[in-house]
Amino acid sequence: NAKGLLKSAIDDDNPVIFLENEILYSSKSEVPIDTNFEIPLGKADISQTGNDVTIVTYSIMVSKSIEAAKIVEEKHNIKVEVIDLQTIKPLDKSLIIKSVKKTNRLVIVEESWSFASVGSEIVTLVQNEAFDYLDAPIKKINSADVPMPYSSVLEKQYLPQIEDITSAIEEVCYI
């Protein structure tokens, strides 16, 4: 995805800020060999389909959310739809709303502080455009509201973990 998004960012006539999580540099996956491969800016991706709850996330939290989704599916047979935003602005509002209308539950997972976050914008969007479809309160999972620690032990306490995500899924599904 990074290749397609970077190509789209370079080709765009508008200014684009391209952010990468350096922890993802060690990730391995297939890379398209097509030199013209692009992913349109503003188009989110459904990383995993499901009918019971929607997770909206981006960057490194996508893989953690997919792993949490596998755990709750094995444990509770909950089918989680995981949406990778891919771009933050423009935001693929229609895909988020469509998914929430399908699953009736929403968990937002992001590696950022809760206050004035991307997740806060998504909560506002869903409250305004899909409130009547919600069967449970929206749950946001964020980093701790402190400066990012340097210690790897403290970093694990600071960042959202798979256990936090699975607990949030169980909570919105009333388990």
N, C-alpha and C. Protein backbone atom coordinates (compact mmCIF):
# COMPACT_ATOMS: atom_id res chain seq x y z
N ASN A 1 0.82 -1.20 0.00
CA ASN A 1 0.00 0.00 0.00
C ASN A 1 0.86 1.26 0.00
N ALA A 2 1.97 1.20 0.71
CA ALA A 2 2.84 2.38 0.78
C ALA A 2 3.31 2.79 -0.61
N LYS A 3 3.62 1.81 -1.45
CA LYS A 3 4.09 2.14 -2.80
C LYS A 3 3.00 2.86 -3.59
N GLY A 4 1.79 2.33 -3.56
CA GLY A 4 0.69 2.93 -4.31
C GLY A 4 0.29 4.29 -3.77
N LEU A 5 0.33 4.45 -2.46
CA LEU A 5 -0.01 5.74 -1.87
C LEU A 5 1.07 6.78 -2.14
N LEU A 6 2.34 6.36 -2.07
CA LEU A 6 3.43 7.29 -2.34
C LEU A 6 3.39 7.76 -3.79
N LYS A 7 3.12 6.85 -4.70
CA LYS A 7 3.01 7.22 -6.13
C LYS A 7 1.88 8.22 -6.33
N SER A 8 0.74 7.98 -5.69
CA SER A 8 -0.38 8.92 -5.79
C SER A 8 -0.03 10.28 -5.20
N ALA A 9 0.70 10.27 -4.08
CA ALA A 9 1.10 11.52 -3.43
C ALA A 9 2.04 12.32 -4.34
N ILE A 10 2.96 11.64 -4.98
CA ILE A 10 3.91 12.31 -5.87
C ILE A 10 3.18 12.90 -7.08
N ASP A 11 2.23 12.15 -7.62
CA ASP A 11 1.51 12.59 -8.81
C ASP A 11 0.46 13.66 -8.53
N ASP A 12 0.09 13.84 -7.28
CA ASP A 12 -0.96 14.81 -6.94
C ASP A 12 -0.43 16.23 -7.08
N ASP A 13 -1.25 17.12 -7.64
CA ASP A 13 -0.85 18.52 -7.81
C ASP A 13 -0.89 19.31 -6.50
N ASN A 14 -1.57 18.79 -5.50
CA ASN A 14 -1.68 19.47 -4.22
C ASN A 14 -0.56 19.03 -3.28
N PRO A 15 -0.28 19.85 -2.27
CA PRO A 15 0.71 19.41 -1.28
C PRO A 15 0.20 18.18 -0.53
N VAL A 16 1.07 17.22 -0.31
CA VAL A 16 0.70 15.99 0.38
C VAL A 16 1.77 15.70 1.44
N ILE A 17 1.33 15.39 2.64
CA ILE A 17 2.25 14.96 3.69
C ILE A 17 2.15 13.45 3.78
N PHE A 18 3.26 12.77 3.60
CA PHE A 18 3.30 11.30 3.60
C PHE A 18 4.02 10.85 4.87
N LEU A 19 3.29 10.23 5.78
CA LEU A 19 3.86 9.78 7.05
C LEU A 19 3.96 8.26 7.07
N GLU A 20 5.08 7.77 7.59
CA GLU A 20 5.29 6.33 7.71
C GLU A 20 5.65 6.01 9.15
N ASN A 21 5.21 4.86 9.62
CA ASN A 21 5.62 4.38 10.93
C ASN A 21 6.88 3.55 10.73
N GLU A 22 7.97 3.98 11.33
CA GLU A 22 9.26 3.31 11.09
C GLU A 22 9.27 1.86 11.56
N ILE A 23 8.40 1.49 12.47
CA ILE A 23 8.34 0.09 12.92
C ILE A 23 7.87 -0.81 11.78
N LEU A 24 7.11 -0.25 10.85
CA LEU A 24 6.61 -1.03 9.72
C LEU A 24 7.69 -1.32 8.67
N TYR A 25 8.83 -0.66 8.76
CA TYR A 25 9.89 -0.88 7.78
C TYR A 25 10.35 -2.34 7.73
N SER A 26 10.24 -3.04 8.82
CA SER A 26 10.68 -4.44 8.84
C SER A 26 9.59 -5.39 8.36
N SER A 27 8.39 -4.89 8.08
CA SER A 27 7.29 -5.74 7.60
C SER A 27 7.58 -6.22 6.19
N LYS A 28 7.13 -7.42 5.91
CA LYS A 28 7.33 -8.00 4.58
C LYS A 28 5.98 -8.32 3.97
N SER A 29 5.84 -8.01 2.68
CA SER A 29 4.64 -8.35 1.94
C SER A 29 4.94 -8.25 0.45
N GLU A 30 3.99 -8.63 -0.33
CA GLU A 30 4.15 -8.54 -1.78
C GLU A 30 4.09 -7.08 -2.21
N VAL A 31 4.98 -6.70 -3.11
CA VAL A 31 4.99 -5.35 -3.66
C VAL A 31 4.73 -5.45 -5.16
N PRO A 32 3.71 -4.74 -5.66
CA PRO A 32 3.42 -4.81 -7.09
C PRO A 32 4.61 -4.32 -7.92
N ILE A 33 4.89 -5.01 -9.00
CA ILE A 33 6.01 -4.61 -9.85
C ILE A 33 5.61 -3.54 -10.86
N ASP A 34 4.32 -3.33 -11.03
CA ASP A 34 3.82 -2.30 -11.94
C ASP A 34 4.29 -0.93 -11.47
N THR A 35 5.05 -0.23 -12.31
CA THR A 35 5.57 1.08 -11.92
C THR A 35 4.48 2.14 -11.86
N ASN A 36 3.33 1.87 -12.43
CA ASN A 36 2.21 2.82 -12.39
C ASN A 36 1.18 2.47 -11.33
N PHE A 37 1.48 1.51 -10.46
CA PHE A 37 0.55 1.11 -9.40
C PHE A 37 0.28 2.28 -8.47
N GLU A 38 -0.99 2.63 -8.32
CA GLU A 38 -1.38 3.72 -7.44
C GLU A 38 -2.60 3.31 -6.61
N ILE A 39 -2.69 3.85 -5.42
CA ILE A 39 -3.88 3.74 -4.59
C ILE A 39 -4.42 5.16 -4.47
N PRO A 40 -5.65 5.38 -4.87
CA PRO A 40 -6.18 6.75 -4.85
C PRO A 40 -6.19 7.34 -3.44
N LEU A 41 -5.79 8.60 -3.33
CA LEU A 41 -5.87 9.29 -2.06
C LEU A 41 -7.33 9.46 -1.68
N GLY A 42 -7.64 9.24 -0.41
CA GLY A 42 -9.02 9.39 0.05
C GLY A 42 -9.83 8.11 -0.05
N LYS A 43 -9.20 7.01 -0.42
CA LYS A 43 -9.89 5.72 -0.56
C LYS A 43 -9.39 4.76 0.50
N ALA A 44 -10.25 4.41 1.45
CA ALA A 44 -9.89 3.45 2.49
C ALA A 44 -9.97 2.04 1.93
N ASP A 45 -9.43 1.10 2.69
CA ASP A 45 -9.40 -0.30 2.26
C ASP A 45 -10.01 -1.17 3.35
N ILE A 46 -10.82 -2.13 2.96
CA ILE A 46 -11.34 -3.10 3.92
C ILE A 46 -10.30 -4.21 4.01
N SER A 47 -9.54 -4.22 5.10
CA SER A 47 -8.48 -5.20 5.29
C SER A 47 -9.04 -6.56 5.66
N GLN A 48 -10.20 -6.56 6.29
CA GLN A 48 -10.86 -7.80 6.69
C GLN A 48 -12.36 -7.52 6.75
N THR A 49 -13.15 -8.41 6.17
CA THR A 49 -14.60 -8.20 6.19
C THR A 49 -15.22 -8.89 7.40
N GLY A 50 -16.32 -8.32 7.87
CA GLY A 50 -17.04 -8.89 9.00
C GLY A 50 -18.41 -8.24 9.11
N ASN A 51 -19.26 -8.81 9.97
CA ASN A 51 -20.63 -8.32 10.10
C ASN A 51 -21.00 -7.87 11.51
N ASP A 52 -20.14 -8.12 12.50
CA ASP A 52 -20.53 -7.88 13.89
C ASP A 52 -20.04 -6.56 14.47
N VAL A 53 -18.89 -6.09 14.06
CA VAL A 53 -18.32 -4.85 14.58
C VAL A 53 -17.32 -4.31 13.57
N THR A 54 -17.24 -2.98 13.48
CA THR A 54 -16.29 -2.32 12.59
C THR A 54 -15.15 -1.75 13.41
N ILE A 55 -13.92 -1.98 12.97
CA ILE A 55 -12.76 -1.29 13.52
C ILE A 55 -12.25 -0.36 12.43
N VAL A 56 -12.09 0.91 12.77
CA VAL A 56 -11.49 1.87 11.86
C VAL A 56 -10.13 2.23 12.43
N THR A 57 -9.10 2.10 11.61
CA THR A 57 -7.73 2.30 12.09
C THR A 57 -6.83 2.67 10.92
N TYR A 58 -5.56 2.86 11.22
CA TYR A 58 -4.59 3.17 10.17
C TYR A 58 -3.18 2.87 10.69
N SER A 59 -2.25 2.81 9.75
CA SER A 59 -0.83 2.60 10.03
C SER A 59 -0.59 1.28 10.77
N ILE A 60 0.25 1.30 11.78
CA ILE A 60 0.66 0.07 12.47
C ILE A 60 -0.50 -0.58 13.22
N MET A 61 -1.52 0.18 13.54
CA MET A 61 -2.65 -0.38 14.28
C MET A 61 -3.52 -1.31 13.43
N VAL A 62 -3.33 -1.28 12.11
CA VAL A 62 -4.09 -2.19 11.24
C VAL A 62 -3.72 -3.63 11.56
N SER A 63 -2.44 -3.94 11.63
CA SER A 63 -2.03 -5.32 11.90
C SER A 63 -2.43 -5.75 13.30
N LYS A 64 -2.33 -4.85 14.27
CA LYS A 64 -2.77 -5.20 15.63
C LYS A 64 -4.28 -5.44 15.67
N SER A 65 -5.03 -4.66 14.92
CA SER A 65 -6.49 -4.83 14.89
C SER A 65 -6.88 -6.14 14.23
N ILE A 66 -6.17 -6.51 13.17
CA ILE A 66 -6.46 -7.78 12.50
C ILE A 66 -6.15 -8.95 13.43
N GLU A 67 -5.05 -8.84 14.16
CA GLU A 67 -4.71 -9.90 15.11
C GLU A 67 -5.76 -10.00 16.22
N ALA A 68 -6.21 -8.86 16.73
CA ALA A 68 -7.27 -8.86 17.76
C ALA A 68 -8.56 -9.44 17.19
N ALA A 69 -8.85 -9.13 15.93
CA ALA A 69 -10.06 -9.66 15.29
C ALA A 69 -10.02 -11.19 15.21
N LYS A 70 -8.85 -11.74 14.92
CA LYS A 70 -8.70 -13.20 14.86
C LYS A 70 -8.95 -13.81 16.24
N ILE A 71 -8.46 -13.16 17.28
CA ILE A 71 -8.64 -13.67 18.64
C ILE A 71 -10.11 -13.70 19.03
N VAL A 72 -10.84 -12.61 18.78
CA VAL A 72 -12.26 -12.59 19.18
C VAL A 72 -13.11 -13.49 18.29
N GLU A 73 -12.67 -13.72 17.07
CA GLU A 73 -13.42 -14.65 16.22
C GLU A 73 -13.26 -16.07 16.75
N GLU A 74 -12.05 -16.44 17.13
CA GLU A 74 -11.82 -17.77 17.70
C GLU A 74 -12.53 -17.95 19.04
N LYS A 75 -12.47 -16.92 19.85
CA LYS A 75 -13.00 -17.00 21.21
C LYS A 75 -14.52 -16.86 21.29
N HIS A 76 -15.08 -15.91 20.49
CA HIS A 76 -16.51 -15.59 20.61
C HIS A 76 -17.28 -15.69 19.30
N ASN A 77 -16.63 -16.08 18.23
CA ASN A 77 -17.24 -16.13 16.89
C ASN A 77 -17.75 -14.75 16.44
N ILE A 78 -17.03 -13.71 16.84
CA ILE A 78 -17.36 -12.35 16.42
C ILE A 78 -16.59 -12.05 15.13
N LYS A 79 -17.32 -11.65 14.11
CA LYS A 79 -16.70 -11.33 12.81
C LYS A 79 -16.47 -9.81 12.75
N VAL A 80 -15.21 -9.43 12.68
CA VAL A 80 -14.81 -8.02 12.74
C VAL A 80 -14.45 -7.52 11.34
N GLU A 81 -15.00 -6.37 10.99
CA GLU A 81 -14.60 -5.70 9.75
C GLU A 81 -13.53 -4.67 10.12
N VAL A 82 -12.37 -4.77 9.50
CA VAL A 82 -11.26 -3.86 9.78
C VAL A 82 -11.06 -2.95 8.57
N ILE A 83 -11.20 -1.65 8.81
CA ILE A 83 -11.01 -0.66 7.76
C ILE A 83 -9.68 0.05 7.98
N ASP A 84 -8.82 0.00 6.98
CA ASP A 84 -7.56 0.73 6.97
C ASP A 84 -7.82 2.05 6.25
N LEU A 85 -7.76 3.15 6.98
CA LEU A 85 -8.06 4.45 6.38
C LEU A 85 -7.13 4.78 5.22
N GLN A 86 -5.90 4.41 5.29
CA GLN A 86 -4.85 4.69 4.30
C GLN A 86 -4.54 6.18 4.17
N THR A 87 -5.57 7.02 4.07
CA THR A 87 -5.36 8.47 4.08
C THR A 87 -6.29 9.08 5.12
N ILE A 88 -5.82 10.16 5.71
CA ILE A 88 -6.58 10.81 6.78
C ILE A 88 -7.36 12.00 6.25
N LYS A 89 -6.76 12.73 5.36
CA LYS A 89 -7.47 13.83 4.71
C LYS A 89 -7.02 13.84 3.27
N PRO A 90 -7.87 13.47 2.35
CA PRO A 90 -9.29 13.21 2.51
C PRO A 90 -9.57 11.87 3.21
N LEU A 91 -10.67 11.87 3.94
CA LEU A 91 -11.12 10.71 4.69
C LEU A 91 -12.24 10.02 3.91
N ASP A 92 -12.20 8.71 3.82
CA ASP A 92 -13.22 7.95 3.10
C ASP A 92 -14.45 7.79 3.99
N LYS A 93 -15.21 8.87 4.11
CA LYS A 93 -16.37 8.91 5.00
C LYS A 93 -17.43 7.89 4.59
N SER A 94 -17.67 7.75 3.31
CA SER A 94 -18.75 6.86 2.85
C SER A 94 -18.49 5.40 3.23
N LEU A 95 -17.25 4.94 3.15
CA LEU A 95 -16.94 3.55 3.52
C LEU A 95 -17.14 3.33 5.01
N ILE A 96 -16.73 4.30 5.82
CA ILE A 96 -16.91 4.19 7.27
C ILE A 96 -18.40 4.10 7.60
N ILE A 97 -19.20 4.99 7.05
CA ILE A 97 -20.64 5.00 7.32
C ILE A 97 -21.29 3.71 6.83
N LYS A 98 -20.93 3.27 5.65
CA LYS A 98 -21.49 2.03 5.09
C LYS A 98 -21.20 0.84 6.00
N SER A 99 -19.98 0.76 6.50
CA SER A 99 -19.59 -0.35 7.38
C SER A 99 -20.32 -0.29 8.71
N VAL A 100 -20.43 0.90 9.30
CA VAL A 100 -21.14 1.03 10.57
C VAL A 100 -22.63 0.68 10.41
N LYS A 101 -23.21 1.05 9.30
CA LYS A 101 -24.61 0.69 9.04
C LYS A 101 -24.77 -0.82 8.90
N LYS A 102 -23.73 -1.50 8.45
CA LYS A 102 -23.76 -2.96 8.31
C LYS A 102 -23.56 -3.67 9.65
N THR A 103 -22.59 -3.20 10.44
CA THR A 103 -22.22 -3.91 11.68
C THR A 103 -22.91 -3.37 12.93
N ASN A 104 -23.31 -2.12 12.90
CA ASN A 104 -24.00 -1.45 14.03
C ASN A 104 -23.12 -1.23 15.25
N ARG A 105 -21.82 -1.40 15.11
CA ARG A 105 -20.88 -1.19 16.22
C ARG A 105 -19.58 -0.64 15.65
N LEU A 106 -18.91 0.21 16.47
CA LEU A 106 -17.68 0.83 15.98
C LEU A 106 -16.64 0.92 17.08
N VAL A 107 -15.43 0.48 16.73
CA VAL A 107 -14.24 0.65 17.57
C VAL A 107 -13.22 1.39 16.71
N ILE A 108 -12.64 2.44 17.27
CA ILE A 108 -11.62 3.21 16.57
C ILE A 108 -10.30 2.98 17.29
N VAL A 109 -9.28 2.59 16.55
CA VAL A 109 -7.98 2.29 17.14
C VAL A 109 -6.93 3.15 16.46
N GLU A 110 -6.18 3.90 17.28
CA GLU A 110 -5.12 4.73 16.70
C GLU A 110 -3.99 4.94 17.69
N GLU A 111 -2.81 5.12 17.13
CA GLU A 111 -1.61 5.37 17.92
C GLU A 111 -1.45 6.89 18.04
N SER A 112 -2.30 7.48 18.86
CA SER A 112 -2.24 8.92 19.08
C SER A 112 -3.01 9.23 20.36
N TRP A 113 -2.84 10.46 20.82
CA TRP A 113 -3.61 10.87 21.99
C TRP A 113 -5.08 11.00 21.63
N SER A 114 -5.93 10.82 22.59
CA SER A 114 -7.37 10.85 22.37
C SER A 114 -7.89 12.24 22.02
N PHE A 115 -7.35 13.25 22.66
CA PHE A 115 -7.85 14.62 22.47
C PHE A 115 -7.53 15.12 21.06
N ALA A 116 -8.54 15.61 20.36
CA ALA A 116 -8.39 16.19 19.02
C ALA A 116 -7.72 15.23 18.05
N SER A 117 -8.11 13.98 18.09
CA SER A 117 -7.49 12.96 17.25
C SER A 117 -8.32 12.69 15.99
N VAL A 118 -7.77 11.90 15.10
CA VAL A 118 -8.50 11.46 13.91
C VAL A 118 -9.75 10.69 14.37
N GLY A 119 -9.59 9.89 15.41
CA GLY A 119 -10.72 9.13 15.95
C GLY A 119 -11.85 10.03 16.42
N SER A 120 -11.52 11.17 16.98
CA SER A 120 -12.54 12.12 17.41
C SER A 120 -13.36 12.62 16.23
N GLU A 121 -12.70 12.85 15.12
CA GLU A 121 -13.39 13.27 13.89
C GLU A 121 -14.31 12.16 13.39
N ILE A 122 -13.84 10.92 13.47
CA ILE A 122 -14.66 9.79 13.02
C ILE A 122 -15.88 9.61 13.93
N VAL A 123 -15.70 9.79 15.23
CA VAL A 123 -16.83 9.73 16.16
C VAL A 123 -17.88 10.77 15.76
N THR A 124 -17.45 11.99 15.50
CA THR A 124 -18.37 13.05 15.10
C THR A 124 -19.09 12.68 13.81
N LEU A 125 -18.35 12.17 12.84
CA LEU A 125 -18.93 11.75 11.57
C LEU A 125 -20.02 10.72 11.78
N VAL A 126 -19.71 9.67 12.53
CA VAL A 126 -20.67 8.58 12.74
C VAL A 126 -21.86 9.06 13.57
N GLN A 127 -21.62 9.87 14.58
CA GLN A 127 -22.72 10.40 15.40
C GLN A 127 -23.67 11.23 14.52
N ASN A 128 -23.12 11.99 13.58
CA ASN A 128 -23.95 12.84 12.73
C ASN A 128 -24.65 12.09 11.61
N GLU A 129 -24.01 11.04 11.08
CA GLU A 129 -24.56 10.41 9.87
C GLU A 129 -25.05 8.98 10.05
N ALA A 130 -24.77 8.35 11.19
CA ALA A 130 -25.20 6.95 11.35
C ALA A 130 -25.60 6.63 12.79
N PHE A 131 -25.94 7.63 13.56
CA PHE A 131 -26.25 7.43 14.98
C PHE A 131 -27.35 6.40 15.19
N ASP A 132 -28.40 6.47 14.39
CA ASP A 132 -29.54 5.56 14.56
C ASP A 132 -29.20 4.10 14.26
N TYR A 133 -28.08 3.86 13.64
CA TYR A 133 -27.67 2.49 13.33
C TYR A 133 -26.85 1.86 14.45
N LEU A 134 -26.37 2.66 15.39
CA LEU A 134 -25.49 2.14 16.45
C LEU A 134 -26.29 1.35 17.49
N ASP A 135 -25.81 0.15 17.80
CA ASP A 135 -26.40 -0.68 18.84
C ASP A 135 -25.59 -0.64 20.13
N ALA A 136 -24.47 0.07 20.11
CA ALA A 136 -23.59 0.18 21.28
C ALA A 136 -22.85 1.50 21.19
N PRO A 137 -22.38 2.01 22.31
CA PRO A 137 -21.56 3.23 22.25
C PRO A 137 -20.28 2.99 21.46
N ILE A 138 -19.80 4.03 20.80
CA ILE A 138 -18.54 3.95 20.07
C ILE A 138 -17.41 3.87 21.09
N LYS A 139 -16.44 3.03 20.80
CA LYS A 139 -15.28 2.85 21.69
C LYS A 139 -14.02 3.31 20.96
N LYS A 140 -13.25 4.18 21.62
CA LYS A 140 -11.98 4.65 21.05
C LYS A 140 -10.82 4.08 21.86
N ILE A 141 -9.85 3.55 21.16
CA ILE A 141 -8.62 3.05 21.79
C ILE A 141 -7.49 3.95 21.31
N ASN A 142 -6.83 4.60 22.26
CA ASN A 142 -5.74 5.53 21.94
C ASN A 142 -4.52 5.24 22.80
N SER A 143 -3.44 5.94 22.47
CA SER A 143 -2.24 5.89 23.31
C SER A 143 -2.54 6.59 24.63
N ALA A 144 -1.70 6.33 25.62
CA ALA A 144 -1.85 7.01 26.90
C ALA A 144 -1.64 8.51 26.72
N ASP A 145 -2.29 9.30 27.54
CA ASP A 145 -2.23 10.75 27.42
C ASP A 145 -1.00 11.31 28.15
N VAL A 146 0.16 10.85 27.73
CA VAL A 146 1.45 11.28 28.28
C VAL A 146 2.44 11.37 27.11
N PRO A 147 3.57 12.05 27.29
CA PRO A 147 4.57 12.05 26.22
C PRO A 147 5.07 10.63 25.93
N MET A 148 5.42 10.38 24.69
CA MET A 148 5.92 9.07 24.27
C MET A 148 7.21 8.73 25.03
N PRO A 149 7.22 7.62 25.77
CA PRO A 149 8.43 7.24 26.51
C PRO A 149 9.48 6.62 25.58
N TYR A 150 10.72 6.66 26.01
CA TYR A 150 11.81 6.07 25.23
C TYR A 150 12.01 4.60 25.60
N SER A 151 11.73 4.25 26.82
CA SER A 151 11.91 2.88 27.31
C SER A 151 10.94 1.93 26.60
N SER A 152 11.45 0.80 26.13
CA SER A 152 10.58 -0.17 25.44
C SER A 152 9.53 -0.75 26.37
N VAL A 153 9.85 -0.89 27.65
CA VAL A 153 8.88 -1.39 28.62
C VAL A 153 7.73 -0.39 28.78
N LEU A 154 8.07 0.87 28.92
CA LEU A 154 7.05 1.91 29.05
C LEU A 154 6.30 2.13 27.74
N GLU A 155 6.99 1.95 26.63
CA GLU A 155 6.36 2.12 25.32
C GLU A 155 5.19 1.16 25.15
N LYS A 156 5.33 -0.06 25.63
CA LYS A 156 4.24 -1.04 25.53
C LYS A 156 3.04 -0.62 26.37
N GLN A 157 3.28 0.07 27.48
CA GLN A 157 2.18 0.57 28.29
C GLN A 157 1.54 1.81 27.65
N TYR A 158 2.32 2.54 26.90
CA TYR A 158 1.87 3.77 26.26
C TYR A 158 1.00 3.49 25.04
N LEU A 159 1.44 2.57 24.20
CA LEU A 159 0.75 2.28 22.93
C LEU A 159 -0.41 1.30 23.11
N PRO A 160 -1.45 1.43 22.28
CA PRO A 160 -2.52 0.43 22.32
C PRO A 160 -1.98 -0.96 22.01
N GLN A 161 -2.43 -1.94 22.76
CA GLN A 161 -1.99 -3.31 22.58
C GLN A 161 -3.17 -4.17 22.11
N ILE A 162 -2.87 -5.36 21.64
CA ILE A 162 -3.91 -6.26 21.13
C ILE A 162 -4.96 -6.54 22.20
N GLU A 163 -4.52 -6.67 23.44
CA GLU A 163 -5.47 -6.93 24.54
C GLU A 163 -6.45 -5.78 24.71
N ASP A 164 -5.99 -4.55 24.50
CA ASP A 164 -6.88 -3.38 24.58
C ASP A 164 -7.94 -3.44 23.50
N ILE A 165 -7.53 -3.84 22.32
CA ILE A 165 -8.44 -3.91 21.18
C ILE A 165 -9.46 -5.03 21.38
N THR A 166 -9.00 -6.20 21.81
CA THR A 166 -9.94 -7.31 22.03
C THR A 166 -10.94 -6.95 23.12
N SER A 167 -10.49 -6.28 24.17
CA SER A 167 -11.41 -5.86 25.25
C SER A 167 -12.46 -4.89 24.72
N ALA A 168 -12.04 -3.97 23.86
CA ALA A 168 -12.99 -3.00 23.29
C ALA A 168 -14.02 -3.70 22.41
N ILE A 169 -13.58 -4.66 21.61
CA ILE A 169 -14.51 -5.41 20.76
C ILE A 169 -15.51 -6.14 21.63
N GLU A 170 -15.03 -6.82 22.65
CA GLU A 170 -15.92 -7.55 23.55
C GLU A 170 -16.89 -6.61 24.24
N GLU A 171 -16.41 -5.43 24.61
CA GLU A 171 -17.27 -4.46 25.30
C GLU A 171 -18.42 -3.98 24.41
N VAL A 172 -18.13 -3.63 23.16
CA VAL A 172 -19.20 -3.13 22.28
C VAL A 172 -20.12 -4.27 21.83
N CYS A 173 -19.66 -5.50 21.93
CA CYS A 173 -20.51 -6.65 21.61
C CYS A 173 -21.16 -7.25 22.85
N TYR A 174 -21.00 -6.57 23.99
CA TYR A 174 -21.61 -6.95 25.27
C TYR A 174 -21.20 -8.33 25.77
N ILE A 175 -19.91 -8.63 25.64
CA ILE A 175 -19.43 -9.92 26.12
C ILE A 175 -18.66 -9.70 27.40
